[in-house]
Amino acid sequence: VPTSGRATYYVSYKREPFIQIKLPKYSLPKDLHIVSTDGKQVFAAVQEWNQNDTYNLYLSDTRGIYFTLAMENVKTTRGIAGNQMLDLYEVAGIKGMLIANKKQDNQVKTYITYNKGRDWRLLQAPAADLDGNDIHCILVKH
């Protein structure tokens, strides 16, 4: 719902009356996308007023009203049709495992979570390939 030139977002839990969602007070969203609603939580990507090619990820309480920050500055890429696509991937067959590309210090680094965004770890590249040759790279998912 647009209010004073800004969007205000509402949620209805189990067909109850709509309630405005509660993002942290420092959040000033200009765009919001629902990533997932499984696991009794809402996972949302929010583009803040000062972001152009990144989004912040937020995770809700079980009613979908109160949101906390899960990860900042998730990279976006332009799709074929010109739309922005979030560099966030759910690992098929493993519930709660996600991989995200995060813009950090003018670099893009790949992170992984095993608990739907509560905890994130830098994804480490292997030390050697299948033939035992040393690998000297930074793993980045494109």
Protein backbone atom coordinates (compact mmCIF):
# COMPACT_ATOMS: atom_id res chain seq x y z
CA VAL A 1 0.00 0.00 0.00
CA PRO A 2 1.62 3.35 -0.99
CA THR A 3 1.68 5.88 1.85
CA SER A 4 3.21 9.36 1.45
CA GLY A 5 5.25 8.24 -1.55
CA ARG A 6 6.59 5.14 0.24
CA ALA A 7 5.34 1.59 0.17
CA THR A 8 3.94 0.11 3.38
CA TYR A 9 3.70 -3.67 3.58
CA TYR A 10 0.97 -5.69 5.32
CA VAL A 11 0.51 -9.35 6.21
CA SER A 12 -2.46 -11.49 7.15
CA TYR A 13 -1.80 -14.58 9.26
CA LYS A 14 -4.35 -17.39 8.89
CA ARG A 15 -6.92 -14.98 7.39
CA GLU A 16 -6.81 -12.63 10.39
CA PRO A 17 -7.01 -8.86 9.73
CA PHE A 18 -4.03 -7.36 7.89
CA ILE A 19 -1.25 -5.93 10.09
CA GLN A 20 1.67 -3.76 8.96
CA ILE A 21 4.94 -5.72 8.94
CA LYS A 22 7.62 -4.57 11.34
CA LEU A 23 11.08 -4.20 9.84
CA PRO A 24 13.88 -2.84 12.07
CA LYS A 25 13.52 0.92 12.58
CA TYR A 26 16.63 1.70 10.51
CA SER A 27 15.15 -0.06 7.44
CA LEU A 28 13.74 2.21 4.73
CA PRO A 29 12.55 -0.18 2.00
CA LYS A 30 12.03 0.91 -1.58
CA ASP A 31 11.35 -2.63 -2.84
CA LEU A 32 10.41 -5.92 -1.19
CA HIS A 33 10.19 -9.47 -2.57
CA ILE A 34 9.02 -12.58 -0.74
CA VAL A 35 11.68 -15.27 -1.18
CA SER A 36 10.01 -18.05 0.79
CA THR A 37 7.10 -18.72 3.13
CA ASP A 38 7.90 -22.27 4.15
CA GLY A 39 9.09 -23.43 7.56
CA LYS A 40 6.51 -21.21 9.32
CA GLN A 41 8.53 -18.06 8.54
CA VAL A 42 8.67 -15.45 5.81
CA PHE A 43 12.02 -14.90 4.12
CA ALA A 44 12.04 -11.52 2.38
CA ALA A 45 14.52 -9.59 0.23
CA VAL A 46 14.37 -5.84 0.85
CA GLN A 47 16.09 -3.19 -1.22
CA GLU A 48 16.82 -0.24 1.03
CA TRP A 49 16.67 3.40 -0.14
CA ASN A 50 20.49 3.51 -0.51
CA GLN A 51 20.93 0.22 -2.43
CA ASN A 52 21.04 -0.16 -6.22
CA ASP A 53 22.50 -3.60 -6.99
CA THR A 54 22.01 -5.34 -3.65
CA TYR A 55 19.19 -6.40 -1.31
CA ASN A 56 19.11 -7.24 2.40
CA LEU A 57 17.57 -10.53 3.54
CA TYR A 58 15.14 -10.55 6.46
CA LEU A 59 13.58 -13.46 8.35
CA SER A 60 10.23 -13.14 10.14
CA ASP A 61 8.68 -14.53 13.27
CA THR A 62 6.15 -17.36 12.85
CA ARG A 63 3.28 -14.92 12.18
CA GLY A 64 5.20 -13.02 9.48
CA ILE A 65 4.98 -9.69 11.27
CA TYR A 66 8.33 -8.99 12.95
CA PHE A 67 11.46 -9.23 10.76
CA THR A 68 15.13 -9.41 11.69
CA LEU A 69 18.12 -8.94 9.42
CA ALA A 70 19.59 -12.23 8.15
CA MET A 71 22.19 -10.94 5.63
CA GLU A 72 23.13 -7.58 4.14
CA ASN A 73 24.11 -6.69 0.58
CA VAL A 74 23.10 -9.78 -1.38
CA LYS A 75 24.15 -9.14 -4.98
CA THR A 76 21.68 -8.87 -7.84
CA THR A 77 22.18 -9.46 -11.55
CA ARG A 78 20.17 -8.31 -14.56
CA GLY A 79 18.06 -11.03 -16.17
CA ILE A 80 17.45 -11.44 -19.89
CA ALA A 81 14.30 -9.31 -19.69
CA GLY A 82 16.16 -6.57 -17.77
CA ASN A 83 14.69 -7.47 -14.38
CA GLN A 84 16.88 -7.75 -11.27
CA MET A 85 17.50 -11.27 -10.02
CA LEU A 86 18.75 -11.97 -6.50
CA ASP A 87 21.94 -14.08 -6.27
CA LEU A 88 20.34 -16.41 -3.73
CA TYR A 89 19.90 -20.12 -4.38
CA GLU A 90 18.07 -22.78 -2.43
CA VAL A 91 19.88 -26.12 -2.52
CA ALA A 92 17.44 -28.64 -3.98
CA GLY A 93 16.56 -31.49 -1.66
CA ILE A 94 18.09 -29.97 1.50
CA LYS A 95 15.57 -27.93 3.45
CA GLY A 96 16.95 -24.67 4.85
CA MET A 97 20.24 -24.72 2.92
CA LEU A 98 20.82 -21.57 0.87
CA ILE A 99 23.78 -20.09 -1.00
CA ALA A 100 24.09 -16.33 -1.50
CA ASN A 101 26.54 -13.98 -3.19
CA LYS A 102 27.27 -11.03 -0.93
CA LYS A 103 28.87 -7.77 -2.05
CA GLN A 104 31.59 -7.04 0.48
CA ASP A 105 34.56 -4.64 0.24
CA ASN A 106 34.09 -4.21 -3.54
CA GLN A 107 34.22 -7.99 -4.00
CA VAL A 108 31.55 -10.66 -4.28
CA LYS A 109 31.88 -13.52 -1.79
CA THR A 110 29.76 -16.66 -1.58
CA TYR A 111 28.12 -17.63 1.72
CA ILE A 112 26.13 -20.68 2.80
CA THR A 113 23.52 -21.25 5.50
CA TYR A 114 22.20 -24.55 6.80
CA ASN A 115 19.39 -23.06 8.90
CA LYS A 116 17.45 -20.84 6.46
CA GLY A 117 19.50 -17.71 7.05
CA ARG A 118 20.01 -17.63 10.78
CA ASP A 119 23.77 -18.33 10.51
CA TRP A 120 25.96 -17.73 7.43
CA ARG A 121 29.49 -18.97 6.70
CA LEU A 122 31.88 -18.09 3.92
CA LEU A 123 31.89 -20.95 1.42
CA GLN A 124 35.47 -22.21 1.13
CA ALA A 125 36.96 -23.38 -2.14
CA PRO A 126 38.65 -26.79 -2.01
CA ALA A 127 42.46 -26.88 -1.66
CA ALA A 128 42.90 -29.33 -4.58
CA ASP A 129 40.99 -30.57 -7.62
CA LEU A 130 40.06 -34.22 -8.34
CA ASP A 131 43.56 -34.87 -9.72
CA GLY A 132 45.22 -33.46 -6.58
CA ASN A 133 46.37 -30.23 -8.25
CA ASP A 134 46.40 -27.15 -6.01
CA ILE A 135 43.55 -24.70 -6.55
CA HIS A 136 44.27 -21.01 -6.11
CA CYS A 137 40.92 -19.30 -6.47
CA ILE A 138 38.02 -17.66 -4.70
CA LEU A 139 34.77 -19.56 -5.18
CA VAL A 140 32.06 -17.28 -6.57
CA LYS A 141 28.66 -18.51 -7.84
CA HIS A 142 27.45 -16.62 -10.92
